[in-house]
Amino acid sequence: MLSGRRTWSWLRVLIQHLPPESNTMTALRNALTAEELAEQANRGEPERGRWSQSEQLIALLADRLGALHHAYVSTHSQRKQKAPEPIRRPGAKTARSKQAPTQEQNETLFRLINGGAV
């Protein structure tokens, strides 16, 4: 047990909130096996991580560069090109694709609009 008012849970929280580029976090990453690294890469959720201001700015620049490239290619080409997806950021939810309503949902909506009960 740590002496004083500090507890092991306090130390764990302190380590968990270190910046990703800190020496401690780098040492923890370097200690992972290849299998553990692959598992973390597959489970990666950047929107749940912590980014420094520099990382946020780099992501913004990458998004803007992608938008400029898309505009240039769209202007100088006959083919249609899908706009690039922005880089996922911490705290941002992933974009969900909109699904077309089912026939049952359409009928329910039609009844509601026309004053019918569900």
PDB file of N, CA and C in Angstrom:
ATOM      1  N   MET A   1       0.837  -1.176   0.000  1.00  0.00           N
ATOM      2  CA  MET A   1       0.000   0.000   0.000  1.00  0.00           C
ATOM      3  C   MET A   1       0.881   1.239   0.000  1.00  0.00           C
ATOM      4  N   LEU A   2       0.468   2.219  -0.739  1.00  0.00           N
ATOM      5  CA  LEU A   2       1.203   3.478  -0.750  1.00  0.00           C
ATOM      6  C   LEU A   2       0.985   4.200   0.570  1.00  0.00           C
ATOM      7  N   SER A   3       2.003   4.918   1.030  1.00  0.00           N
ATOM      8  CA  SER A   3       1.867   5.628   2.301  1.00  0.00           C
ATOM      9  C   SER A   3       1.139   6.941   2.102  1.00  0.00           C
ATOM     10  N   GLY A   4       0.618   7.463   3.170  1.00  0.00           N
ATOM     11  CA  GLY A   4      -0.107   8.724   3.084  1.00  0.00           C
ATOM     12  C   GLY A   4      -1.538   8.502   2.615  1.00  0.00           C
ATOM     13  N   ARG A   5      -2.086   9.513   1.965  1.00  0.00           N
ATOM     14  CA  ARG A   5      -3.479   9.438   1.517  1.00  0.00           C
ATOM     15  C   ARG A   5      -3.625   8.843   0.120  1.00  0.00           C
ATOM     16  N   ARG A   6      -2.545   8.517  -0.516  1.00  0.00           N
ATOM     17  CA  ARG A   6      -2.594   7.972  -1.868  1.00  0.00           C
ATOM     18  C   ARG A   6      -2.903   6.476  -1.831  1.00  0.00           C
ATOM     19  N   THR A   7      -3.730   6.034  -2.767  1.00  0.00           N
ATOM     20  CA  THR A   7      -4.086   4.616  -2.845  1.00  0.00           C
ATOM     21  C   THR A   7      -3.623   4.059  -4.188  1.00  0.00           C
ATOM     22  N   TRP A   8      -3.716   2.734  -4.313  1.00  0.00           N
ATOM     23  CA  TRP A   8      -3.352   2.108  -5.572  1.00  0.00           C
ATOM     24  C   TRP A   8      -4.312   2.530  -6.673  1.00  0.00           C
ATOM     25  N   SER A   9      -5.583   2.709  -6.359  1.00  0.00           N
ATOM     26  CA  SER A   9      -6.538   3.146  -7.394  1.00  0.00           C
ATOM     27  C   SER A   9      -6.192   4.558  -7.869  1.00  0.00           C
ATOM     28  N   TRP A  10      -5.701   5.411  -6.969  1.00  0.00           N
ATOM     29  CA  TRP A  10      -5.275   6.756  -7.360  1.00  0.00           C
ATOM     30  C   TRP A  10      -4.127   6.659  -8.370  1.00  0.00           C
ATOM     31  N   LEU A  11      -3.170   5.748  -8.087  1.00  0.00           N
ATOM     32  CA  LEU A  11      -2.034   5.566  -8.984  1.00  0.00           C
ATOM     33  C   LEU A  11      -2.500   5.043 -10.344  1.00  0.00           C
ATOM     34  N   ARG A  12      -3.435   4.078 -10.349  1.00  0.00           N
ATOM     35  CA  ARG A  12      -3.965   3.535 -11.601  1.00  0.00           C
ATOM     36  C   ARG A  12      -4.616   4.630 -12.428  1.00  0.00           C
ATOM     37  N   VAL A  13      -5.435   5.467 -11.800  1.00  0.00           N
ATOM     38  CA  VAL A  13      -6.096   6.564 -12.514  1.00  0.00           C
ATOM     39  C   VAL A  13      -5.060   7.548 -13.049  1.00  0.00           C
ATOM     40  N   LEU A  14      -4.048   7.819 -12.254  1.00  0.00           N
ATOM     41  CA  LEU A  14      -2.989   8.728 -12.689  1.00  0.00           C
ATOM     42  C   LEU A  14      -2.292   8.198 -13.942  1.00  0.00           C
ATOM     43  N   ILE A  15      -1.966   6.912 -13.953  1.00  0.00           N
ATOM     44  CA  ILE A  15      -1.291   6.308 -15.116  1.00  0.00           C
ATOM     45  C   ILE A  15      -2.217   6.276 -16.327  1.00  0.00           C
ATOM     46  N   GLN A  16      -3.491   5.942 -16.109  1.00  0.00           N
ATOM     47  CA  GLN A  16      -4.437   5.861 -17.228  1.00  0.00           C
ATOM     48  C   GLN A  16      -4.640   7.207 -17.915  1.00  0.00           C
ATOM     49  N   HIS A  17      -4.446   8.295 -17.192  1.00  0.00           N
ATOM     50  CA  HIS A  17      -4.683   9.617 -17.763  1.00  0.00           C
ATOM     51  C   HIS A  17      -3.408  10.327 -18.226  1.00  0.00           C
ATOM     52  N   LEU A  18      -2.322   9.585 -18.295  1.00  0.00           N
ATOM     53  CA  LEU A  18      -1.103  10.160 -18.861  1.00  0.00           C
ATOM     54  C   LEU A  18      -1.301  10.362 -20.364  1.00  0.00           C
ATOM     55  N   PRO A  19      -0.637  11.353 -20.947  1.00  0.00           N
ATOM     56  CA  PRO A  19      -0.756  11.526 -22.398  1.00  0.00           C
ATOM     57  C   PRO A  19      -0.181  10.325 -23.140  1.00  0.00           C
ATOM     58  N   PRO A  20      -0.741   9.985 -24.317  1.00  0.00           N
ATOM     59  CA  PRO A  20      -0.272   8.812 -25.054  1.00  0.00           C
ATOM     60  C   PRO A  20       1.207   8.866 -25.402  1.00  0.00           C
ATOM     61  N   GLU A  21       1.755  10.068 -25.540  1.00  0.00           N
ATOM     62  CA  GLU A  21       3.166  10.179 -25.923  1.00  0.00           C
ATOM     63  C   GLU A  21       4.116  10.195 -24.724  1.00  0.00           C
ATOM     64  N   SER A  22       3.591   9.998 -23.501  1.00  0.00           N
ATOM     65  CA  SER A  22       4.444  10.009 -22.311  1.00  0.00           C
ATOM     66  C   SER A  22       5.369   8.794 -22.310  1.00  0.00           C
ATOM     67  N   ASN A  23       6.473   8.892 -21.567  1.00  0.00           N
ATOM     68  CA  ASN A  23       7.429   7.788 -21.484  1.00  0.00           C
ATOM     69  C   ASN A  23       6.780   6.539 -20.899  1.00  0.00           C
ATOM     70  N   THR A  24       5.908   6.717 -19.908  1.00  0.00           N
ATOM     71  CA  THR A  24       5.261   5.563 -19.281  1.00  0.00           C
ATOM     72  C   THR A  24       4.351   4.843 -20.265  1.00  0.00           C
ATOM     73  N   MET A  25       3.513   5.568 -20.984  1.00  0.00           N
ATOM     74  CA  MET A  25       2.601   4.949 -21.950  1.00  0.00           C
ATOM     75  C   MET A  25       3.389   4.311 -23.097  1.00  0.00           C
ATOM     76  N   THR A  26       4.475   4.938 -23.506  1.00  0.00           N
ATOM     77  CA  THR A  26       5.321   4.362 -24.554  1.00  0.00           C
ATOM     78  C   THR A  26       5.935   3.055 -24.079  1.00  0.00           C
ATOM     79  N   ALA A  27       6.413   3.023 -22.829  1.00  0.00           N
ATOM     80  CA  ALA A  27       6.996   1.794 -22.283  1.00  0.00           C
ATOM     81  C   ALA A  27       5.945   0.691 -22.182  1.00  0.00           C
ATOM     82  N   LEU A  28       4.722   1.035 -21.788  1.00  0.00           N
ATOM     83  CA  LEU A  28       3.653   0.035 -21.715  1.00  0.00           C
ATOM     84  C   LEU A  28       3.331  -0.517 -23.103  1.00  0.00           C
ATOM     85  N   ARG A  29       3.276   0.358 -24.107  1.00  0.00           N
ATOM     86  CA  ARG A  29       3.020  -0.095 -25.481  1.00  0.00           C
ATOM     87  C   ARG A  29       4.147  -0.980 -25.978  1.00  0.00           C
ATOM     88  N   ASN A  30       5.396  -0.595 -25.698  1.00  0.00           N
ATOM     89  CA  ASN A  30       6.545  -1.372 -26.165  1.00  0.00           C
ATOM     90  C   ASN A  30       6.623  -2.743 -25.505  1.00  0.00           C
ATOM     91  N   ALA A  31       6.010  -2.905 -24.335  1.00  0.00           N
ATOM     92  CA  ALA A  31       6.035  -4.181 -23.626  1.00  0.00           C
ATOM     93  C   ALA A  31       4.987  -5.162 -24.156  1.00  0.00           C
ATOM     94  N   LEU A  32       4.071  -4.708 -25.024  1.00  0.00           N
ATOM     95  CA  LEU A  32       3.031  -5.588 -25.556  1.00  0.00           C
ATOM     96  C   LEU A  32       3.615  -6.566 -26.564  1.00  0.00           C
ATOM     97  N   THR A  33       3.050  -7.762 -26.583  1.00  0.00           N
ATOM     98  CA  THR A  33       3.457  -8.747 -27.575  1.00  0.00           C
ATOM     99  C   THR A  33       2.807  -8.410 -28.922  1.00  0.00           C
ATOM    100  N   ALA A  34       3.247  -9.068 -29.981  1.00  0.00           N
ATOM    101  CA  ALA A  34       2.677  -8.824 -31.309  1.00  0.00           C
ATOM    102  C   ALA A  34       1.192  -9.173 -31.334  1.00  0.00           C
ATOM    103  N   GLU A  35       0.801 -10.241 -30.617  1.00  0.00           N
ATOM    104  CA  GLU A  35      -0.611 -10.643 -30.571  1.00  0.00           C
ATOM    105  C   GLU A  35      -1.445  -9.591 -29.859  1.00  0.00           C
ATOM    106  N   GLU A  36      -0.929  -9.068 -28.746  1.00  0.00           N
ATOM    107  CA  GLU A  36      -1.665  -8.029 -28.006  1.00  0.00           C
ATOM    108  C   GLU A  36      -1.807  -6.762 -28.838  1.00  0.00           C
ATOM    109  N   LEU A  37      -0.758  -6.400 -29.564  1.00  0.00           N
ATOM    110  CA  LEU A  37      -0.835  -5.227 -30.437  1.00  0.00           C
ATOM    111  C   LEU A  37      -1.875  -5.423 -31.533  1.00  0.00           C
ATOM    112  N   ALA A  38      -1.902  -6.626 -32.133  1.00  0.00           N
ATOM    113  CA  ALA A  38      -2.879  -6.910 -33.191  1.00  0.00           C
ATOM    114  C   ALA A  38      -4.297  -6.854 -32.639  1.00  0.00           C
ATOM    115  N   GLU A  39      -4.499  -7.390 -31.441  1.00  0.00           N
ATOM    116  CA  GLU A  39      -5.834  -7.360 -30.820  1.00  0.00           C
ATOM    117  C   GLU A  39      -6.278  -5.924 -30.562  1.00  0.00           C
ATOM    118  N   GLN A  40      -5.374  -5.096 -30.044  1.00  0.00           N
ATOM    119  CA  GLN A  40      -5.720  -3.696 -29.794  1.00  0.00           C
ATOM    120  C   GLN A  40      -5.990  -2.948 -31.092  1.00  0.00           C
ATOM    121  N   ALA A  41      -5.271  -3.269 -32.146  1.00  0.00           N
ATOM    122  CA  ALA A  41      -5.494  -2.615 -33.434  1.00  0.00           C
ATOM    123  C   ALA A  41      -6.872  -2.979 -33.979  1.00  0.00           C
ATOM    124  N   ASN A  42      -7.285  -4.230 -33.787  1.00  0.00           N
ATOM    125  CA  ASN A  42      -8.597  -4.658 -34.260  1.00  0.00           C
ATOM    126  C   ASN A  42      -9.730  -4.050 -33.450  1.00  0.00           C
ATOM    127  N   ARG A  43      -9.479  -3.801 -32.164  1.00  0.00           N
ATOM    128  CA  ARG A  43     -10.503  -3.222 -31.298  1.00  0.00           C
ATOM    129  C   ARG A  43     -10.421  -1.696 -31.259  1.00  0.00           C
ATOM    130  N   GLY A  44      -9.544  -1.114 -32.034  1.00  0.00           N
ATOM    131  CA  GLY A  44      -9.280   0.314 -31.951  1.00  0.00           C
ATOM    132  C   GLY A  44     -10.521   1.173 -32.119  1.00  0.00           C
ATOM    133  N   GLU A  45     -10.687   2.108 -31.218  1.00  0.00           N
ATOM    134  CA  GLU A  45     -11.766   3.080 -31.279  1.00  0.00           C
ATOM    135  C   GLU A  45     -11.175   4.456 -30.995  1.00  0.00           C
ATOM    136  N   PRO A  46     -10.678   5.139 -32.016  1.00  0.00           N
ATOM    137  CA  PRO A  46     -10.027   6.419 -31.768  1.00  0.00           C
ATOM    138  C   PRO A  46     -10.921   7.440 -31.083  1.00  0.00           C
ATOM    139  N   GLU A  47     -12.232   7.325 -31.317  1.00  0.00           N
ATOM    140  CA  GLU A  47     -13.130   8.309 -30.719  1.00  0.00           C
ATOM    141  C   GLU A  47     -13.231   8.169 -29.201  1.00  0.00           C
ATOM    142  N   ARG A  48     -12.716   7.066 -28.643  1.00  0.00           N
ATOM    143  CA  ARG A  48     -12.738   6.877 -27.201  1.00  0.00           C
ATOM    144  C   ARG A  48     -11.394   7.213 -26.559  1.00  0.00           C
ATOM    145  N   GLY A  49     -10.404   7.539 -27.357  1.00  0.00           N
ATOM    146  CA  GLY A  49      -9.069   7.824 -26.846  1.00  0.00           C
ATOM    147  C   GLY A  49      -8.885   9.292 -26.486  1.00  0.00           C
ATOM    148  N   ARG A  50      -7.676   9.613 -26.095  1.00  0.00           N
ATOM    149  CA  ARG A  50      -7.346  11.008 -25.767  1.00  0.00           C
ATOM    150  C   ARG A  50      -6.355  11.497 -26.808  1.00  0.00           C
ATOM    151  N   TRP A  51      -6.634  12.638 -27.379  1.00  0.00           N
ATOM    152  CA  TRP A  51      -5.735  13.230 -28.368  1.00  0.00           C
ATOM    153  C   TRP A  51      -5.219  14.554 -27.845  1.00  0.00           C
ATOM    154  N   SER A  52      -3.959  14.818 -28.146  1.00  0.00           N
ATOM    155  CA  SER A  52      -3.394  16.119 -27.805  1.00  0.00           C
ATOM    156  C   SER A  52      -3.888  17.144 -28.832  1.00  0.00           C
ATOM    157  N   GLN A  53      -3.634  18.396 -28.553  1.00  0.00           N
ATOM    158  CA  GLN A  53      -4.044  19.449 -29.481  1.00  0.00           C
ATOM    159  C   GLN A  53      -3.333  19.281 -30.826  1.00  0.00           C
ATOM    160  N   SER A  54      -2.078  18.855 -30.797  1.00  0.00           N
ATOM    161  CA  SER A  54      -1.340  18.629 -32.046  1.00  0.00           C
ATOM    162  C   SER A  54      -2.003  17.543 -32.883  1.00  0.00           C
ATOM    163  N   GLU A  55      -2.429  16.463 -32.245  1.00  0.00           N
ATOM    164  CA  GLU A  55      -3.093  15.383 -32.972  1.00  0.00           C
ATOM    165  C   GLU A  55      -4.426  15.851 -33.563  1.00  0.00           C
ATOM    166  N   GLN A  56      -5.145  16.671 -32.820  1.00  0.00           N
ATOM    167  CA  GLN A  56      -6.403  17.220 -33.339  1.00  0.00           C
ATOM    168  C   GLN A  56      -6.139  18.082 -34.581  1.00  0.00           C
ATOM    169  N   LEU A  57      -5.098  18.908 -34.523  1.00  0.00           N
ATOM    170  CA  LEU A  57      -4.777  19.771 -35.660  1.00  0.00           C
ATOM    171  C   LEU A  57      -4.312  18.960 -36.872  1.00  0.00           C
ATOM    172  N   ILE A  58      -3.546  17.913 -36.645  1.00  0.00           N
ATOM    173  CA  ILE A  58      -3.104  17.066 -37.754  1.00  0.00           C
ATOM    174  C   ILE A  58      -4.303  16.384 -38.408  1.00  0.00           C
ATOM    175  N   ALA A  59      -5.250  15.912 -37.602  1.00  0.00           N
ATOM    176  CA  ALA A  59      -6.457  15.286 -38.154  1.00  0.00           C
ATOM    177  C   ALA A  59      -7.261  16.302 -38.967  1.00  0.00           C
ATOM    178  N   LEU A  60      -7.348  17.531 -38.475  1.00  0.00           N
ATOM    179  CA  LEU A  60      -8.051  18.582 -39.215  1.00  0.00           C
ATOM    180  C   LEU A  60      -7.370  18.848 -40.555  1.00  0.00           C
ATOM    181  N   LEU A  61      -6.035  18.929 -40.548  1.00  0.00           N
ATOM    182  CA  LEU A  61      -5.301  19.148 -41.794  1.00  0.00           C
ATOM    183  C   LEU A  61      -5.510  17.991 -42.776  1.00  0.00           C
ATOM    184  N   ALA A  62      -5.497  16.764 -42.261  1.00  0.00           N
ATOM    185  CA  ALA A  62      -5.720  15.611 -43.134  1.00  0.00           C
ATOM    186  C   ALA A  62      -7.121  15.648 -43.741  1.00  0.00           C
ATOM    187  N   ASP A  63      -8.112  16.036 -42.944  1.00  0.00           N
ATOM    188  CA  ASP A  63      -9.482  16.146 -43.460  1.00  0.00           C
ATOM    189  C   ASP A  63      -9.590  17.228 -44.535  1.00  0.00           C
ATOM    190  N   ARG A  64      -8.969  18.374 -44.275  1.00  0.00           N
ATOM    191  CA  ARG A  64      -9.023  19.470 -45.254  1.00  0.00           C
ATOM    192  C   ARG A  64      -8.291  19.099 -46.541  1.00  0.00           C
ATOM    193  N   LEU A  65      -7.156  18.435 -46.411  1.00  0.00           N
ATOM    194  CA  LEU A  65      -6.408  17.999 -47.590  1.00  0.00           C
ATOM    195  C   LEU A  65      -7.224  16.985 -48.391  1.00  0.00           C
ATOM    196  N   GLY A  66      -7.899  16.080 -47.703  1.00  0.00           N
ATOM    197  CA  GLY A  66      -8.761  15.122 -48.379  1.00  0.00           C
ATOM    198  C   GLY A  66      -9.903  15.812 -49.116  1.00  0.00           C
ATOM    199  N   ALA A  67     -10.477  16.846 -48.496  1.00  0.00           N
ATOM    200  CA  ALA A  67     -11.560  17.590 -49.139  1.00  0.00           C
ATOM    201  C   ALA A  67     -11.044  18.341 -50.373  1.00  0.00           C
ATOM    202  N   LEU A  68      -9.859  18.940 -50.274  1.00  0.00           N
ATOM    203  CA  LEU A  68      -9.276  19.636 -51.426  1.00  0.00           C
ATOM    204  C   LEU A  68      -8.976  18.658 -52.565  1.00  0.00           C
ATOM    205  N   HIS A  69      -8.437  17.494 -52.230  1.00  0.00           N
ATOM    206  CA  HIS A  69      -8.150  16.485 -53.241  1.00  0.00           C
ATOM    207  C   HIS A  69      -9.440  16.037 -53.923  1.00  0.00           C
ATOM    208  N   HIS A  70     -10.478  15.820 -53.125  1.00  0.00           N
ATOM    209  CA  HIS A  70     -11.774  15.415 -53.675  1.00  0.00           C
ATOM    210  C   HIS A  70     -12.325  16.487 -54.612  1.00  0.00           C
ATOM    211  N   ALA A  71     -12.225  17.757 -54.203  1.00  0.00           N
ATOM    212  CA  ALA A  71     -12.723  18.847 -55.048  1.00  0.00           C
ATOM    213  C   ALA A  71     -11.935  18.923 -56.354  1.00  0.00           C
ATOM    214  N   TYR A  72     -10.624  18.761 -56.283  1.00  0.00           N
ATOM    215  CA  TYR A  72      -9.788  18.830 -57.482  1.00  0.00           C
ATOM    216  C   TYR A  72     -10.111  17.691 -58.444  1.00  0.00           C
ATOM    217  N   VAL A  73     -10.176  16.469 -57.915  1.00  0.00           N
ATOM    218  CA  VAL A  73     -10.451  15.313 -58.767  1.00  0.00           C
ATOM    219  C   VAL A  73     -11.855  15.412 -59.359  1.00  0.00           C
ATOM    220  N   SER A  74     -12.826  15.851 -58.553  1.00  0.00           N
ATOM    221  CA  SER A  74     -14.201  15.979 -59.049  1.00  0.00           C
ATOM    222  C   SER A  74     -14.307  17.023 -60.149  1.00  0.00           C
ATOM    223  N   THR A  75     -13.525  18.081 -60.041  1.00  0.00           N
ATOM    224  CA  THR A  75     -13.567  19.151 -61.026  1.00  0.00           C
ATOM    225  C   THR A  75     -12.875  18.750 -62.328  1.00  0.00           C
ATOM    226  N   HIS A  76     -11.792  18.000 -62.232  1.00  0.00           N
ATOM    227  CA  HIS A  76     -10.980  17.669 -63.395  1.00  0.00           C
ATOM    228  C   HIS A  76     -11.182  16.249 -63.909  1.00  0.00           C
ATOM    229  N   SER A  77     -12.277  15.628 -63.545  1.00  0.00           N
ATOM    230  CA  SER A  77     -12.501  14.252 -63.962  1.00  0.00           C
ATOM    231  C   SER A  77     -13.968  14.053 -64.303  1.00  0.00           C
ATOM    232  N   GLN A  78     -14.231  13.090 -65.161  1.00  0.00           N
ATOM    233  CA  GLN A  78     -15.605  12.773 -65.540  1.00  0.00           C
ATOM    234  C   GLN A  78     -16.262  11.822 -64.535  1.00  0.00           C
ATOM    235  N   ARG A  79     -15.449  11.093 -63.797  1.00  0.00           N
ATOM    236  CA  ARG A  79     -16.011  10.084 -62.899  1.00  0.00           C
ATOM    237  C   ARG A  79     -16.431  10.716 -61.567  1.00  0.00           C
ATOM    238  N   LYS A  80     -17.470  10.154 -61.009  1.00  0.00           N
ATOM    239  CA  LYS A  80     -17.944  10.596 -59.699  1.00  0.00           C
ATOM    240  C   LYS A  80     -17.101   9.917 -58.630  1.00  0.00           C
ATOM    241  N   GLN A  81     -16.736  10.676 -57.635  1.00  0.00           N
ATOM    242  CA  GLN A  81     -15.929  10.143 -56.554  1.00  0.00           C
ATOM    243  C   GLN A  81     -16.599  10.489 -55.233  1.00  0.00           C
ATOM    244  N   LYS A  82     -16.665   9.521 -54.342  1.00  0.00           N
ATOM    245  CA  LYS A  82     -17.268   9.731 -53.032  1.00  0.00           C
ATOM    246  C   LYS A  82     -16.358  10.624 -52.188  1.00  0.00           C
ATOM    247  N   ALA A  83     -16.960  11.550 -51.466  1.00  0.00           N
ATOM    248  CA  ALA A  83     -16.186  12.440 -50.597  1.00  0.00           C
ATOM    249  C   ALA A  83     -15.515  11.612 -49.493  1.00  0.00           C
ATOM    250  N   PRO A  84     -14.301  11.974 -49.089  1.00  0.00           N
ATOM    251  CA  PRO A  84     -13.597  11.194 -48.066  1.00  0.00           C
ATOM    252  C   PRO A  84     -14.265  11.338 -46.697  1.00  0.00           C
ATOM    253  N   GLU A  85     -14.175  10.277 -45.915  1.00  0.00           N
ATOM    254  CA  GLU A  85     -14.699  10.300 -44.547  1.00  0.00           C
ATOM    255  C   GLU A  85     -13.711  11.062 -43.670  1.00  0.00           C
ATOM    256  N   PRO A  86     -14.210  11.900 -42.760  1.00  0.00           N
ATOM    257  CA  PRO A  86     -13.285  12.569 -41.841  1.00  0.00           C
ATOM    258  C   PRO A  86     -12.681  11.564 -40.860  1.00  0.00           C
ATOM    259  N   ILE A  87     -11.512  11.876 -40.364  1.00  0.00           N
ATOM    260  CA  ILE A  87     -10.844  11.025 -39.384  1.00  0.00           C
ATOM    261  C   ILE A  87     -11.664  11.032 -38.101  1.00  0.00           C
ATOM    262  N   ARG A  88     -11.882   9.840 -37.536  1.00  0.00           N
ATOM    263  CA  ARG A  88     -12.651   9.770 -36.295  1.00  0.00           C
ATOM    264  C   ARG A  88     -11.864  10.427 -35.170  1.00  0.00           C
ATOM    265  N   ARG A  89     -12.576  11.195 -34.359  1.00  0.00           N
ATOM    266  CA  ARG A  89     -11.941  11.929 -33.273  1.00  0.00           C
ATOM    267  C   ARG A  89     -12.510  11.498 -31.923  1.00  0.00           C
ATOM    268  N   PRO A  90     -11.730  11.696 -30.854  1.00  0.00           N
ATOM    269  CA  PRO A  90     -12.229  11.353 -29.518  1.00  0.00           C
ATOM    270  C   PRO A  90     -13.492  12.147 -29.200  1.00  0.00           C
ATOM    271  N   GLY A  91     -14.458  11.453 -28.608  1.00  0.00           N
ATOM    272  CA  GLY A  91     -15.697  12.105 -28.209  1.00  0.00           C
ATOM    273  C   GLY A  91     -16.726  12.214 -29.311  1.00  0.00           C
ATOM    274  N   ALA A  92     -16.364  11.879 -30.533  1.00  0.00           N
ATOM    275  CA  ALA A  92     -17.303  11.976 -31.653  1.00  0.00           C
ATOM    276  C   ALA A  92     -17.867  10.596 -31.943  1.00  0.00           C
ATOM    277  N   LYS A  93     -19.155  10.544 -32.147  1.00  0.00           N
ATOM    278  CA  LYS A  93     -19.797   9.268 -32.474  1.00  0.00           C
ATOM    279  C   LYS A  93     -19.527   8.937 -33.932  1.00  0.00           C
ATOM    280  N   THR A  94     -19.492   7.651 -34.229  1.00  0.00           N
ATOM    281  CA  THR A  94     -19.297   7.239 -35.618  1.00  0.00           C
ATOM    282  C   THR A  94     -20.573   7.526 -36.403  1.00  0.00           C
ATOM    283  N   ALA A  95     -20.400   7.894 -37.643  1.00  0.00           N
ATOM    284  CA  ALA A  95     -21.548   8.195 -38.493  1.00  0.00           C
ATOM    285  C   ALA A  95     -22.252   6.897 -38.858  1.00  0.00           C
ATOM    286  N   ARG A  96     -23.556   6.891 -38.675  1.00  0.00           N
ATOM    287  CA  ARG A  96     -24.335   5.715 -39.032  1.00  0.00           C
ATOM    288  C   ARG A  96     -24.972   5.943 -40.378  1.00  0.00           C
ATOM    289  N   SER A  97     -24.949   4.903 -41.176  1.00  0.00           N
ATOM    290  CA  SER A  97     -25.599   5.026 -42.471  1.00  0.00           C
ATOM    291  C   SER A  97     -27.108   4.939 -42.263  1.00  0.00           C
ATOM    292  N   LYS A  98     -27.849   5.772 -42.986  1.00  0.00           N
ATOM    293  CA  LYS A  98     -29.297   5.796 -42.851  1.00  0.00           C
ATOM    294  C   LYS A  98     -29.885   4.643 -43.643  1.00  0.00           C
ATOM    295  N   GLN A  99     -30.771   3.931 -42.997  1.00  0.00           N
ATOM    296  CA  GLN A  99     -31.426   2.816 -43.659  1.00  0.00           C
ATOM    297  C   GLN A  99     -32.796   3.271 -44.152  1.00  0.00           C
ATOM    298  N   ALA A 100     -33.189   2.750 -45.278  1.00  0.00           N
ATOM    299  CA  ALA A 100     -34.513   3.060 -45.806  1.00  0.00           C
ATOM    300  C   ALA A 100     -35.559   2.438 -44.891  1.00  0.00           C
ATOM    301  N   PRO A 101     -36.687   3.140 -44.664  1.00  0.00           N
ATOM    302  CA  PRO A 101     -37.726   2.573 -43.805  1.00  0.00           C
ATOM    303  C   PRO A 101     -38.349   1.337 -44.448  1.00  0.00           C
ATOM    304  N   THR A 102     -38.808   0.440 -43.598  1.00  0.00           N
ATOM    305  CA  THR A 102     -39.462  -0.766 -44.096  1.00  0.00           C
ATOM    306  C   THR A 102     -40.869  -0.426 -44.559  1.00  0.00           C
ATOM    307  N   GLN A 103     -41.496  -1.358 -45.247  1.00  0.00           N
ATOM    308  CA  GLN A 103     -42.869  -1.158 -45.725  1.00  0.00           C
ATOM    309  C   GLN A 103     -43.812  -0.942 -44.539  1.00  0.00           C
ATOM    310  N   GLU A 104     -43.605  -1.701 -43.465  1.00  0.00           N
ATOM    311  CA  GLU A 104     -44.448  -1.562 -42.271  1.00  0.00           C
ATOM    312  C   GLU A 104     -44.292  -0.170 -41.648  1.00  0.00           C
ATOM    313  N   GLN A 105     -43.066   0.317 -41.575  1.00  0.00           N
ATOM    314  CA  GLN A 105     -42.836   1.663 -41.035  1.00  0.00           C
ATOM    315  C   GLN A 105     -43.485   2.716 -41.915  1.00  0.00           C
ATOM    316  N   ASN A 106     -43.410   2.543 -43.235  1.00  0.00           N
ATOM    317  CA  ASN A 106     -44.054   3.482 -44.147  1.00  0.00           C
ATOM    318  C   ASN A 106     -45.560   3.506 -43.945  1.00  0.00           C
ATOM    319  N   GLU A 107     -46.170   2.324 -43.789  1.00  0.00           N
ATOM    320  CA  GLU A 107     -47.613   2.255 -43.591  1.00  0.00           C
ATOM    321  C   GLU A 107     -48.028   2.889 -42.275  1.00  0.00           C
ATOM    322  N   THR A 108     -47.244   2.654 -41.216  1.00  0.00           N
ATOM    323  CA  THR A 108     -47.536   3.263 -39.916  1.00  0.00           C
ATOM    324  C   THR A 108     -47.456   4.785 -40.014  1.00  0.00           C
ATOM    325  N   LEU A 109     -46.415   5.281 -40.656  1.00  0.00           N
ATOM    326  CA  LEU A 109     -46.260   6.723 -40.837  1.00  0.00           C
ATOM    327  C   LEU A 109     -47.413   7.298 -41.656  1.00  0.00           C
ATOM    328  N   PHE A 110     -47.831   6.599 -42.708  1.00  0.00           N
ATOM    329  CA  PHE A 110     -48.935   7.045 -43.546  1.00  0.00           C
ATOM    330  C   PHE A 110     -50.227   7.153 -42.727  1.00  0.00           C
ATOM    331  N   ARG A 111     -50.488   6.133 -41.862  1.00  0.00           N
ATOM    332  CA  ARG A 111     -51.677   6.176 -41.012  1.00  0.00           C
ATOM    333  C   ARG A 111     -51.607   7.329 -40.030  1.00  0.00           C
ATOM    334  N   LEU A 112     -50.449   7.570 -39.438  1.00  0.00           N
ATOM    335  CA  LEU A 112     -50.306   8.667 -38.473  1.00  0.00           C
ATOM    336  C   LEU A 112     -50.520  10.032 -39.143  1.00  0.00           C
ATOM    337  N   ILE A 113     -49.970  10.193 -40.338  1.00  0.00           N
ATOM    338  CA  ILE A 113     -50.115  11.465 -41.032  1.00  0.00           C
ATOM    339  C   ILE A 113     -51.572  11.720 -41.412  1.00  0.00           C
ATOM    340  N   ASN A 114     -52.279  10.664 -41.746  1.00  0.00           N
ATOM    341  CA  ASN A 114     -53.668  10.809 -42.168  1.00  0.00           C
ATOM    342  C   ASN A 114     -54.650  10.726 -41.018  1.00  0.00           C
ATOM    343  N   GLY A 115     -54.176  10.859 -39.772  1.00  0.00           N
ATOM    344  CA  GLY A 115     -55.055  10.930 -38.629  1.00  0.00           C
ATOM    345  C   GLY A 115     -55.488   9.591 -38.077  1.00  0.00           C
ATOM    346  N   GLY A 116     -54.933   8.521 -38.538  1.00  0.00           N
ATOM    347  CA  GLY A 116     -55.295   7.194 -38.036  1.00  0.00           C
ATOM    348  C   GLY A 116     -54.512   6.843 -36.810  1.00  0.00           C
ATOM    349  N   ALA A 117     -55.057   5.956 -36.017  1.00  0.00           N
ATOM    350  CA  ALA A 117     -54.362   5.487 -34.810  1.00  0.00           C
ATOM    351  C   ALA A 117     -53.420   4.357 -35.200  1.00  0.00           C
ATOM    352  N   VAL A 118     -52.403   4.193 -34.374  1.00  0.00           N
ATOM    353  CA  VAL A 118     -51.410   3.149 -34.631  1.00  0.00           C
ATOM    354  C   VAL A 118     -51.947   1.804 -34.268  1.00  0.00           C
TER     355      VAL A 118
END
